[in-house]
Protein backbone atom coordinates (compact mmCIF):
# COMPACT_ATOMS: atom_id res chain seq x y z
CA MET A 1 115.97 47.18 109.36
CA SER A 2 116.27 50.91 110.10
CA GLU A 3 115.74 50.39 113.81
CA GLN A 4 118.42 47.81 114.00
CA THR A 5 120.97 49.90 112.16
CA LYS A 6 120.14 52.95 114.41
CA ARG A 7 120.83 50.77 117.49
CA TRP A 8 124.25 49.60 116.00
CA LYS A 9 125.09 53.18 115.10
CA SER A 10 124.15 54.51 118.54
CA VAL A 11 126.77 52.22 120.04
CA ASN A 12 129.25 52.75 117.28
CA MET A 13 129.05 49.14 116.05
CA PRO A 14 130.40 48.75 112.61
CA TYR A 15 128.31 46.81 110.13
CA SER A 16 128.19 45.99 106.41
CA ILE A 17 125.24 45.36 104.18
CA MET A 18 124.89 43.06 101.23
CA LEU A 19 122.17 44.01 98.66
CA PHE A 20 121.42 41.36 96.00
CA ASP A 21 118.91 40.07 93.63
CA ILE A 22 118.31 37.11 91.49
CA ASP A 23 119.70 37.42 87.88
CA HIS A 24 117.00 37.22 85.22
CA PHE A 25 114.23 36.38 87.80
CA LYS A 26 111.56 37.65 85.38
CA ARG A 27 112.54 34.79 83.15
CA VAL A 28 111.82 32.29 86.02
CA ASN A 29 108.30 33.74 86.47
CA ASP A 30 107.57 33.85 82.73
CA THR A 31 108.88 30.28 82.13
CA TYR A 32 107.58 28.46 85.21
CA GLY A 33 104.94 30.65 86.62
CA HIS A 34 104.63 32.71 89.82
CA ALA A 35 104.07 29.74 92.04
CA ILE A 36 107.53 28.31 91.10
CA GLY A 37 108.93 31.93 91.30
CA ASP A 38 107.69 32.16 94.91
CA GLU A 39 109.37 28.78 95.68
CA VAL A 40 112.69 30.03 94.21
CA LEU A 41 112.35 33.09 96.45
CA LYS A 42 111.74 30.86 99.50
CA PHE A 43 114.79 28.66 98.42
CA LEU A 44 116.95 31.76 98.19
CA ALA A 45 115.79 32.89 101.74
CA VAL A 46 116.72 29.53 103.19
CA GLU A 47 120.24 29.58 101.52
CA MET A 48 120.65 33.25 102.70
CA GLN A 49 119.90 32.04 106.31
CA ASN A 50 122.40 29.11 105.97
CA VAL A 51 125.24 31.41 105.22
CA SER A 52 124.20 33.98 107.93
CA ARG A 53 125.35 33.96 111.52
CA SER A 54 122.72 34.16 114.43
CA ASN A 55 123.09 37.88 114.82
CA ASP A 56 122.81 38.74 111.10
CA VAL A 57 119.57 40.16 109.84
CA CYS A 58 118.03 38.81 106.68
CA CYS A 59 115.48 41.11 104.96
CA ARG A 60 113.49 40.98 101.69
CA TYR A 61 113.81 44.40 100.28
CA GLY A 62 111.31 44.06 97.43
CA GLY A 63 110.64 41.77 94.58
CA GLU A 64 113.51 39.53 94.10
CA GLU A 65 115.90 42.03 96.00
CA PHE A 66 117.21 41.08 99.51
CA ILE A 67 119.38 42.63 102.07
CA LEU A 68 121.65 40.99 104.57
CA LEU A 69 122.77 43.19 107.56
CA LEU A 70 126.00 42.05 108.94
CA PRO A 71 126.97 43.51 112.30
CA GLN A 72 130.65 43.81 113.34
CA THR A 73 131.56 42.74 109.86
CA SER A 74 134.21 44.42 107.55
CA MET A 75 133.80 45.05 103.92
CA GLN A 76 136.12 42.11 103.23
CA GLU A 77 134.16 39.79 105.61
CA ALA A 78 130.85 40.86 104.00
CA TYR A 79 132.34 40.10 100.52
CA GLU A 80 133.20 36.65 101.71
CA VAL A 81 129.62 35.93 102.96
CA ALA A 82 128.22 37.25 99.62
CA GLU A 83 130.56 34.96 97.71
CA ARG A 84 129.70 31.85 99.84
CA LEU A 85 125.99 32.54 99.03
CA ARG A 86 126.64 33.20 95.31
CA LYS A 87 128.83 30.13 94.91
CA LYS A 88 126.32 27.98 96.64
CA LEU A 89 123.42 29.22 94.42
CA GLU A 90 125.27 28.84 91.13
CA SER A 91 125.93 25.14 91.95
CA THR A 92 122.57 24.12 93.44
CA ILE A 93 119.42 23.30 91.50
CA SER A 94 116.67 25.61 92.52
CA PRO A 95 112.88 24.74 92.67
CA SER A 96 112.68 25.81 89.02
CA GLY A 97 114.88 22.80 88.05
CA GLU A 98 117.60 25.25 87.12
CA LEU A 99 120.58 26.99 88.66
CA ILE A 100 120.04 30.58 89.79
CA THR A 101 122.66 33.24 90.08
CA ILE A 102 122.76 36.48 92.13
CA SER A 103 124.40 39.76 91.76
CA SER A 104 125.47 41.67 94.81
CA GLY A 105 126.60 45.08 95.98
CA ILE A 106 128.40 45.56 99.40
CA ALA A 107 128.65 48.66 101.39
CA SER A 108 130.02 49.15 104.96
CA SER A 109 129.70 51.75 107.74
CA GLU A 110 133.46 51.77 107.82
CA GLU A 111 133.50 53.58 104.42
CA SER A 112 130.73 56.02 105.17
CA GLU A 113 129.14 57.66 108.09
CA LEU A 114 125.82 57.56 106.27
CA GLN A 115 122.62 56.14 107.75
CA ILE A 116 121.32 52.93 106.34
CA ALA A 117 119.45 54.67 103.51
CA GLY A 118 122.85 56.13 102.22
CA LEU A 119 124.54 52.71 102.54
CA ILE A 120 121.79 51.12 100.60
CA GLU A 121 122.16 53.56 97.88
CA ILE A 122 125.95 52.85 97.65
CA ALA A 123 125.26 49.10 97.72
CA ASP A 124 122.52 49.49 94.97
CA LYS A 125 124.92 51.32 92.62
CA ARG A 126 127.34 48.46 93.13
CA LEU A 127 124.59 45.81 92.59
CA TYR A 128 123.80 47.46 89.26
CA GLN A 129 127.54 47.74 88.46
CA ALA A 130 127.55 43.94 88.92
CA LYS A 131 124.41 43.41 86.66
CA ASN A 132 125.90 45.86 83.95
CA THR A 133 129.11 44.02 83.83
CA GLY A 134 127.92 40.50 83.43
CA ARG A 135 125.93 39.44 86.40
CA ASN A 136 126.72 36.62 88.93
CA LYS A 137 129.25 38.59 90.74
CA THR A 138 129.75 40.63 93.94
CA ILE A 139 131.04 44.12 93.86
CA THR A 140 132.50 46.26 96.72
CA GLY A 141 134.50 49.55 96.67
CA GLU A 142 137.62 47.71 95.92
CA LEU A 143 136.84 44.18 95.00
CA HIS A 144 134.73 42.26 92.62
CA THR A 145 134.64 38.61 91.43
CA GLU A 146 133.11 37.01 88.39
CA GLY A 147 131.37 33.76 88.49
CA LYS A 148 130.18 31.53 85.71
CA VAL A 149 127.41 33.12 83.84
């Protein structure tokens, strides 16, 4: 992830990142067990790839957190990708037999000259803003949307 974004920065390629995680994932593991929790994570990874373009980079960041690196993508375009994924998940039964939702934070190289670590920090603050204001939403520097909780 760091190497890819360093290459993009070296050629002044703008990019955005989407940092997100599954809302109430601990409940999935506690209710259905870790094997089903793993299946839910795999399901999410497939859905993330389904909304991604061939040059996007999908990464598991840790636990139930994921990052989607979006080259040549504005904040608004990243928001639209995040919303496609969020809406798909909130309306598709997961391997647990239930719907899952995600909360997302978006950051863009167009708003900051920071390296990837700094953009992740910005996206992380926005992710927690999404969680602290009701979950199942995407937050950028200017926009947010609320889904059905």
